[in-house]
Protein backbone atom coordinates (compact mmCIF):
# COMPACT_ATOMS: atom_id res chain seq x y z
CA MET A 1 2.35 -10.15 -4.83
CA GLU A 2 -0.65 -9.33 -2.67
CA ALA A 3 -0.16 -5.77 -1.45
CA VAL A 4 -3.54 -4.13 -1.09
CA GLY A 5 -2.81 -3.10 2.48
CA TYR A 6 -6.24 -3.72 3.97
CA GLN A 7 -5.87 -3.89 7.75
CA ALA A 8 -2.23 -2.72 7.62
CA HIS A 9 -1.00 -1.33 10.92
CA ASP A 10 1.79 1.07 11.80
CA PRO A 11 4.23 0.36 14.67
CA THR A 12 1.86 2.02 17.17
CA GLY A 13 -1.00 -0.31 16.20
CA GLN A 14 -3.10 2.25 14.33
CA GLU A 15 -4.82 0.89 11.21
CA HIS A 16 -3.81 2.50 7.91
CA PRO A 17 -5.54 0.83 4.92
CA LYS A 18 -3.50 2.83 2.38
CA MET A 19 -0.12 2.37 4.09
CA VAL A 20 1.10 -0.48 1.85
CA LEU A 21 0.25 1.37 -1.36
CA ASP A 22 1.89 4.57 -0.03
CA LYS A 23 5.09 2.64 0.81
CA LEU A 24 5.12 1.02 -2.65
CA VAL A 25 4.89 4.46 -4.26
CA GLU A 26 7.86 5.59 -2.14
CA VAL A 27 10.14 2.73 -3.26
CA VAL A 28 9.37 2.69 -7.00
CA ARG A 29 11.68 4.79 -9.13
CA ALA A 30 10.29 7.86 -10.86
CA THR A 31 10.44 5.98 -14.18
CA GLY A 32 9.02 2.78 -12.65
CA ARG A 33 5.45 1.51 -12.68
CA LEU A 34 2.93 0.07 -10.27
CA GLY A 35 -0.02 -2.04 -11.23
CA VAL A 36 -3.01 -1.85 -8.91
CA VAL A 37 -5.71 -4.47 -9.42
CA GLY A 38 -8.73 -4.94 -7.19
CA VAL A 39 -8.08 -2.31 -4.53
CA TYR A 40 -10.38 -2.77 -1.55
CA ASN A 41 -12.17 0.31 -0.18
CA PRO A 42 -13.27 -0.22 3.43
C-alpha cells in the first residue's frame, strides 16, 4: 500500500503532508505495527 501522504489534503483543501501517516497511527491497535519505508520530506 502506498501511504506516504505527500500532497494529502483535508476537506478544506489545505495541504497536510503528514495527514496519512497520522491517520494510520490512529487506526492501528496499540499492539499493532506500522512499517514506514521511504518517507518523503518536502
